[in-house]
N, C-alpha and C. Protein backbone atom coordinates (compact mmCIF):
# COMPACT_ATOMS: atom_id res chain seq x y z
N MET A 1 8.76 67.50 26.71
CA MET A 1 9.87 68.25 27.36
C MET A 1 11.24 68.38 27.74
N VAL A 2 10.97 67.40 28.39
CA VAL A 2 12.40 66.75 29.06
C VAL A 2 13.74 65.88 28.22
N ARG A 3 12.58 64.95 27.07
CA ARG A 3 13.15 64.80 26.25
C ARG A 3 13.64 65.44 25.13
N VAL A 4 13.30 66.47 24.91
CA VAL A 4 14.15 66.90 23.73
C VAL A 4 14.80 67.90 24.59
N LEU A 5 15.63 68.16 25.59
CA LEU A 5 16.15 68.74 26.50
C LEU A 5 17.39 68.41 26.15
N HIS A 6 17.08 66.92 26.93
CA HIS A 6 17.86 65.65 27.32
C HIS A 6 18.25 65.66 25.84
N SER A 7 17.51 64.77 24.32
CA SER A 7 18.48 64.95 23.27
C SER A 7 18.92 66.38 22.40
N TYR A 8 19.08 67.40 22.85
CA TYR A 8 19.72 68.55 22.51
C TYR A 8 20.81 68.83 22.91
N SER A 9 20.67 68.80 24.63
CA SER A 9 21.83 69.19 25.48
C SER A 9 22.82 68.71 25.16
N ASN A 10 22.35 67.28 25.61
CA ASN A 10 23.13 65.83 26.65
C ASN A 10 23.70 66.14 27.76
N HIS A 11 22.81 67.15 27.99
CA HIS A 11 23.22 67.08 30.01
C HIS A 11 22.13 66.21 30.52
N VAL A 12 22.39 64.97 31.03
CA VAL A 12 21.72 63.93 31.46
C VAL A 12 21.63 63.68 33.04
N ILE A 13 22.58 65.41 33.79
CA ILE A 13 22.04 65.16 35.15
C ILE A 13 20.76 66.22 35.00
N ALA A 14 21.30 67.36 34.26
CA ALA A 14 20.30 69.04 34.02
C ALA A 14 18.59 68.46 34.04
N ALA A 15 18.81 67.19 33.02
CA ALA A 15 17.61 66.93 32.66
C ALA A 15 16.95 66.28 33.27
N GLN A 16 17.49 65.03 34.07
CA GLN A 16 16.97 63.98 36.14
C GLN A 16 16.50 65.51 36.66
N ARG A 17 17.18 66.67 36.93
CA ARG A 17 17.13 67.30 37.96
C ARG A 17 15.55 67.89 37.45
N LEU A 18 15.63 68.12 36.27
CA LEU A 18 14.26 69.10 35.36
C LEU A 18 13.57 68.58 35.80
N GLU A 19 13.04 66.62 35.66
CA GLU A 19 12.06 66.34 36.22
C GLU A 19 12.06 66.28 37.15
N ARG A 20 12.77 66.12 38.54
CA ARG A 20 12.68 65.89 39.54
C ARG A 20 11.61 67.36 40.37
N THR A 21 12.35 68.00 39.71
CA THR A 21 11.35 69.28 39.46
C THR A 21 9.64 70.01 39.25
N ILE A 22 10.21 68.73 37.78
CA ILE A 22 8.29 69.14 37.49
C ILE A 22 7.68 67.85 38.14
N ARG A 23 8.29 66.68 38.63
CA ARG A 23 7.45 65.99 39.50
C ARG A 23 7.05 66.02 40.91
N SER A 24 7.48 67.16 41.98
CA SER A 24 7.39 68.30 42.84
C SER A 24 6.40 69.22 42.81
N ALA A 25 6.93 69.90 41.88
CA ALA A 25 5.52 70.85 41.13
C ALA A 25 4.55 70.27 40.60
N GLU A 26 4.19 68.60 40.12
CA GLU A 26 2.75 67.82 40.37
C GLU A 26 2.14 67.69 41.74
N LYS A 27 3.63 67.80 42.48
CA LYS A 27 2.67 66.81 43.08
C LYS A 27 2.26 67.40 44.53
N GLY A 28 3.00 68.53 44.36
CA GLY A 28 2.28 69.79 45.46
C GLY A 28 2.96 70.43 46.20
N GLY A 29 3.39 71.97 46.47
CA GLY A 29 3.81 71.67 47.64
C GLY A 29 5.05 71.61 47.78
N ARG A 30 5.73 72.30 48.89
CA ARG A 30 7.39 72.25 48.93
C ARG A 30 7.76 71.50 50.54
N ARG A 31 8.28 70.61 50.73
CA ARG A 31 8.07 69.56 52.55
C ARG A 31 8.36 71.00 53.04
N PRO A 32 7.78 70.90 54.36
CA PRO A 32 7.93 71.52 55.24
C PRO A 32 9.45 71.46 55.83
N ARG A 33 9.55 72.97 56.17
CA ARG A 33 10.98 72.95 56.91
C ARG A 33 10.96 72.19 58.35
N THR A 34 12.28 71.25 58.59
CA THR A 34 12.23 70.49 59.97
C THR A 34 13.57 71.56 60.88
N ALA A 35 14.35 71.60 60.01
CA ALA A 35 15.14 72.07 60.87
C ALA A 35 15.14 74.02 61.69
N PRO A 36 15.19 74.12 62.58
CA PRO A 36 14.36 75.67 62.66
C PRO A 36 15.63 76.16 62.56
N LEU A 37 15.00 78.05 61.96
CA LEU A 37 15.60 78.85 61.45
C LEU A 37 16.89 79.29 62.27
N PRO A 38 18.25 80.07 62.50
CA PRO A 38 18.90 80.36 62.78
C PRO A 38 18.94 81.95 63.24
N LYS A 39 19.44 81.89 63.84
CA LYS A 39 19.57 83.55 65.06
C LYS A 39 19.98 83.74 63.88
N PRO A 40 19.27 85.64 64.42
CA PRO A 40 20.00 86.31 63.28
C PRO A 40 20.97 87.02 65.24
N ALA A 41 22.44 87.15 64.59
CA ALA A 41 23.04 87.88 64.94
C ALA A 41 22.85 89.11 66.39
N LYS A 42 23.46 88.54 67.12
CA LYS A 42 22.96 89.61 68.52
C LYS A 42 23.53 90.92 68.31
N GLN A 43 22.30 91.97 68.47
CA GLN A 43 23.14 93.10 67.65
C GLN A 43 24.17 94.20 69.18
N LYS A 44 25.28 95.07 68.58
CA LYS A 44 25.73 95.25 70.28
C LYS A 44 25.38 96.68 70.21
N THR A 45 25.09 96.99 71.62
CA THR A 45 24.69 97.48 71.87
C THR A 45 25.89 99.26 71.85
N ILE A 46 24.89 100.55 72.21
CA ILE A 46 25.68 101.75 72.37
C ILE A 46 26.84 101.43 73.23
N ASP A 47 26.61 101.01 74.25
CA ASP A 47 27.16 100.25 75.20
C ASP A 47 28.06 99.72 75.36
N GLU A 48 28.07 98.67 74.68
CA GLU A 48 28.97 96.97 74.07
C GLU A 48 30.05 97.88 73.33
N ILE A 49 29.64 98.89 71.80
CA ILE A 49 30.25 99.31 71.41
C ILE A 49 31.44 100.57 72.01
N GLU A 50 31.17 101.13 72.67
CA GLU A 50 31.78 102.44 73.62
C GLU A 50 32.97 101.73 74.80
N HIS A 51 32.83 100.36 75.17
CA HIS A 51 33.27 99.74 75.84
C HIS A 51 34.55 98.79 75.27
N MET A 52 34.38 98.62 73.67
CA MET A 52 35.10 97.82 73.66
C MET A 52 36.38 99.29 72.56
N VAL A 53 36.28 99.95 72.57
CA VAL A 53 36.70 101.33 72.16
C VAL A 53 37.25 101.75 73.23
N ASN A 54 37.25 101.67 74.68
CA ASN A 54 37.76 101.75 75.64
C ASN A 54 39.12 101.02 76.06
N LEU A 55 38.62 99.83 75.84
CA LEU A 55 39.38 98.51 75.65
C LEU A 55 40.74 98.69 74.96
N TRP A 56 40.15 99.65 73.61
CA TRP A 56 41.14 99.49 72.81
C TRP A 56 41.92 100.69 73.65
N HIS A 57 41.94 102.13 73.55
CA HIS A 57 42.46 102.89 74.27
C HIS A 57 43.21 102.57 75.23
N GLN A 58 42.91 101.50 75.54
CA GLN A 58 43.88 100.44 76.91
C GLN A 58 44.88 99.83 76.59
N CYS A 59 43.87 98.99 75.85
CA CYS A 59 45.53 97.68 75.36
C CYS A 59 45.61 98.28 73.55
N GLY A 60 44.80 97.86 73.26
CA GLY A 60 45.30 98.67 71.95
C GLY A 60 46.05 97.19 70.97
N ASN A 61 45.03 95.71 71.50
CA ASN A 61 44.77 94.59 70.85
C ASN A 61 43.73 93.93 70.96
N ILE A 62 43.26 93.84 69.88
CA ILE A 62 42.25 93.42 69.34
C ILE A 62 41.41 91.78 70.19
N LEU A 63 42.82 90.88 69.25
CA LEU A 63 42.18 89.49 70.71
C LEU A 63 42.30 89.89 71.72
N GLU A 64 42.40 90.32 72.79
CA GLU A 64 42.13 91.06 74.18
C GLU A 64 41.25 91.09 73.40
N ILE A 65 40.15 92.16 73.00
CA ILE A 65 39.37 92.05 74.03
C ILE A 65 38.13 91.59 73.07
N ALA A 66 38.77 90.70 72.39
CA ALA A 66 37.59 89.54 71.59
C ALA A 66 37.39 88.62 72.76
N ARG A 67 38.73 88.99 73.70
CA ARG A 67 37.78 87.63 74.60
C ARG A 67 37.37 88.02 75.72
N THR A 68 38.16 89.58 75.80
CA THR A 68 37.30 89.60 77.51
C THR A 68 36.00 90.04 77.23
N MET A 69 35.44 90.60 75.88
CA MET A 69 34.29 90.30 75.62
C MET A 69 33.16 88.88 74.58
N LYS A 70 34.02 88.59 74.47
CA LYS A 70 33.95 86.78 74.17
C LYS A 70 33.64 87.63 73.04
N VAL A 71 32.96 87.70 72.07
CA VAL A 71 33.15 87.89 70.25
C VAL A 71 33.90 87.51 69.68
N HIS A 72 34.32 87.79 68.91
CA HIS A 72 35.17 87.28 67.48
C HIS A 72 36.13 88.36 66.74
N ASP A 73 37.09 87.98 67.03
CA ASP A 73 38.07 89.40 66.44
C ASP A 73 36.96 90.00 65.56
N SER A 74 37.17 89.69 64.19
CA SER A 74 36.42 90.66 63.14
C SER A 74 34.98 91.26 63.94
N THR A 75 34.44 91.27 64.58
CA THR A 75 33.69 91.75 65.10
C THR A 75 33.84 93.01 66.02
N VAL A 76 34.83 92.93 67.03
CA VAL A 76 35.49 93.99 67.00
C VAL A 76 36.03 95.08 66.15
N ARG A 77 36.83 94.70 65.60
CA ARG A 77 37.57 95.91 63.72
C ARG A 77 36.05 96.07 63.85
N ASN A 78 35.50 95.02 62.77
CA ASN A 78 34.86 96.33 62.53
C ASN A 78 33.72 96.91 63.15
N HIS A 79 33.65 96.90 64.80
CA HIS A 79 33.48 98.47 65.45
C HIS A 79 34.26 99.55 65.53
N LEU A 80 35.74 98.65 65.56
CA LEU A 80 36.46 100.17 65.74
C LEU A 80 36.77 101.00 64.72
N ARG A 81 36.37 99.91 63.41
CA ARG A 81 36.49 100.74 62.51
C ARG A 81 35.46 101.47 62.04
N ASP A 82 33.70 100.99 62.43
CA ASP A 82 32.77 101.93 62.43
C ASP A 82 33.03 102.90 63.12
N ALA A 83 33.15 103.35 64.23
CA ALA A 83 33.61 104.12 65.39
C ALA A 83 35.17 104.92 64.48
N GLY A 84 36.11 104.82 63.24
CA GLY A 84 36.44 105.41 63.38
C GLY A 84 38.44 105.11 63.71
N ILE A 85 38.54 104.03 64.20
CA ILE A 85 39.72 103.64 64.32
C ILE A 85 39.96 102.60 63.44
N ASP A 86 41.48 103.42 63.27
CA ASP A 86 42.62 102.97 62.27
C ASP A 86 42.82 101.01 63.48
N THR A 87 42.69 100.19 62.60
CA THR A 87 43.03 99.02 63.40
C THR A 87 44.39 98.23 61.96
N THR A 88 44.86 98.82 61.17
CA THR A 88 46.34 97.91 60.57
C THR A 88 47.33 97.78 61.63
N PRO A 89 47.52 96.68 61.13
CA PRO A 89 47.85 95.88 61.91
C PRO A 89 49.78 96.66 61.97
N ARG A 90 49.81 96.97 63.52
CA ARG A 90 51.29 97.68 63.80
C ARG A 90 52.78 96.85 63.76
N VAL A 91 53.76 97.72 63.02
CA VAL A 91 54.59 96.75 62.37
C VAL A 91 56.17 97.38 63.86
N LEU A 92 56.62 96.00 63.88
CA LEU A 92 57.62 95.88 65.29
C LEU A 92 58.22 96.98 64.70
N ASN A 93 58.90 98.47 66.05
CA ASN A 93 59.32 99.54 65.26
C ASN A 93 60.77 98.65 66.59
N ASP A 94 62.39 99.78 66.83
CA ASP A 94 63.23 99.56 67.22
C ASP A 94 62.59 99.23 68.59
N ASP A 95 62.47 100.42 69.31
CA ASP A 95 61.75 100.45 70.43
C ASP A 95 61.32 99.30 71.18
N ASP A 96 60.31 98.78 70.35
CA ASP A 96 59.15 97.92 70.57
C ASP A 96 60.10 96.41 70.76
N LEU A 97 61.43 96.15 69.43
CA LEU A 97 62.48 94.99 69.27
C LEU A 97 63.20 95.52 71.09
N ALA A 98 63.63 96.65 70.94
CA ALA A 98 64.81 96.84 72.74
C ALA A 98 63.97 95.97 73.65
N LYS A 99 62.81 96.60 73.72
CA LYS A 99 61.64 96.29 75.24
C LYS A 99 61.59 94.66 75.00
N ILE A 100 61.51 94.22 73.93
CA ILE A 100 61.38 92.51 73.54
C ILE A 100 62.36 92.09 74.19
N ARG A 101 63.81 92.47 73.48
CA ARG A 101 65.14 91.67 73.53
C ARG A 101 65.98 92.22 74.98
N GLN A 102 64.76 93.37 75.78
CA GLN A 102 65.44 93.26 76.95
C GLN A 102 64.41 92.87 77.97
N LEU A 103 63.23 92.26 78.04
CA LEU A 103 62.45 91.10 78.95
C LEU A 103 63.21 89.67 78.82
N LYS A 104 63.21 89.37 77.45
CA LYS A 104 63.59 88.27 77.14
C LYS A 104 65.20 87.64 78.02
N THR A 105 66.04 88.92 77.84
CA THR A 105 67.20 88.64 79.03
C THR A 105 67.21 88.85 80.52
N ASP A 106 66.47 89.13 80.68
CA ASP A 106 65.45 89.12 81.74
C ASP A 106 65.37 87.74 82.51
N GLY A 107 64.81 87.51 81.36
CA GLY A 107 64.63 85.75 82.21
C GLY A 107 62.91 85.49 81.69
N HIS A 108 62.29 86.35 80.36
CA HIS A 108 60.93 86.05 80.69
C HIS A 108 60.77 85.00 79.90
N SER A 109 59.25 84.10 79.54
CA SER A 109 59.23 83.37 78.36
C SER A 109 58.50 84.77 77.23
N TYR A 110 58.68 83.68 76.07
CA TYR A 110 57.89 84.09 74.64
C TYR A 110 56.57 84.76 75.64
N ARG A 111 55.92 83.95 76.05
CA ARG A 111 54.66 83.82 76.73
C ARG A 111 53.68 85.78 76.85
N GLN A 112 54.74 85.71 78.51
CA GLN A 112 55.00 87.17 79.30
C GLN A 112 55.57 88.15 78.35
N ILE A 113 56.27 87.77 77.95
CA ILE A 113 56.82 88.45 76.96
C ILE A 113 55.56 88.46 76.12
N ALA A 114 54.91 88.76 75.54
CA ALA A 114 53.89 88.43 74.49
C ALA A 114 52.53 89.55 75.10
N HIS A 115 52.28 88.42 76.70
CA HIS A 115 51.38 89.87 77.25
C HIS A 115 52.01 90.79 77.67
N LYS A 116 52.57 90.73 78.43
CA LYS A 116 53.81 92.09 78.95
C LYS A 116 53.74 92.86 77.50
N THR A 117 53.67 93.22 76.31
CA THR A 117 54.40 93.89 75.16
C THR A 117 52.89 94.20 74.22
N GLY A 118 51.95 92.83 74.28
CA GLY A 118 50.76 93.41 73.91
C GLY A 118 51.04 92.68 72.03
N TRP A 119 52.47 92.66 71.68
CA TRP A 119 52.15 91.77 71.06
C TRP A 119 51.72 90.22 70.75
N SER A 120 51.51 90.03 70.24
CA SER A 120 51.30 88.27 69.94
C SER A 120 52.84 87.29 69.51
N LEU A 121 52.37 85.99 70.57
CA LEU A 121 52.95 84.89 70.23
C LEU A 121 54.23 84.66 69.40
N SER A 122 53.96 84.90 68.52
CA SER A 122 54.64 85.51 66.92
C SER A 122 55.38 86.39 66.30
N SER A 123 55.02 87.25 66.93
CA SER A 123 55.61 88.20 67.01
C SER A 123 56.43 88.43 67.77
N VAL A 124 56.37 88.17 68.92
CA VAL A 124 57.49 88.00 69.49
C VAL A 124 58.58 87.19 69.29
N GLY A 125 57.86 85.40 68.51
CA GLY A 125 59.22 84.85 68.12
C GLY A 125 60.27 85.10 67.02
N LYS A 126 58.93 85.76 66.23
CA LYS A 126 59.67 86.20 64.81
C LYS A 126 60.81 87.28 65.27
N ALA A 127 61.02 88.49 65.98
CA ALA A 127 61.35 89.22 66.31
C ALA A 127 62.97 89.31 67.34
N LEU A 128 62.51 88.36 67.53
CA LEU A 128 63.79 87.48 68.72
C LEU A 128 64.68 86.77 67.20
N ARG A 129 64.27 85.67 67.02
CA ARG A 129 64.34 85.07 66.26
C ARG A 129 65.69 85.55 64.66
N THR A 130 64.74 87.10 63.75
CA THR A 130 65.28 87.29 62.67
C THR A 130 66.27 88.59 63.53
N ARG A 131 66.33 89.26 64.61
CA ARG A 131 66.42 90.88 64.23
C ARG A 131 67.79 90.70 65.30
């Protein structure tokens, strides 16, 4: 059978794989798994999800919530979305821009401004450079 496959399709690698599969089947069974199975992701409790929602209403920053709860930001985003909260990225408006500029003229660093306004460090930098 392997020779027929090899001669008609000219796929050497496919023929070699098929040979190995046939030999393995003739030997019997698969080798036992040596590595442990990965653990399933820990499901969040209702209290943890409510805590995420409360943090969202306090700070509105997914990365801050993720750091606080020691989870990935996509986990926070997914749970907030399931709770009916719109997590689309915010857009800098004129009030935010004025606040960022005022904090910069007061002598705050980019990092301090980002922390005080809830905007990312890169958003603060872009706002101060481009506008």
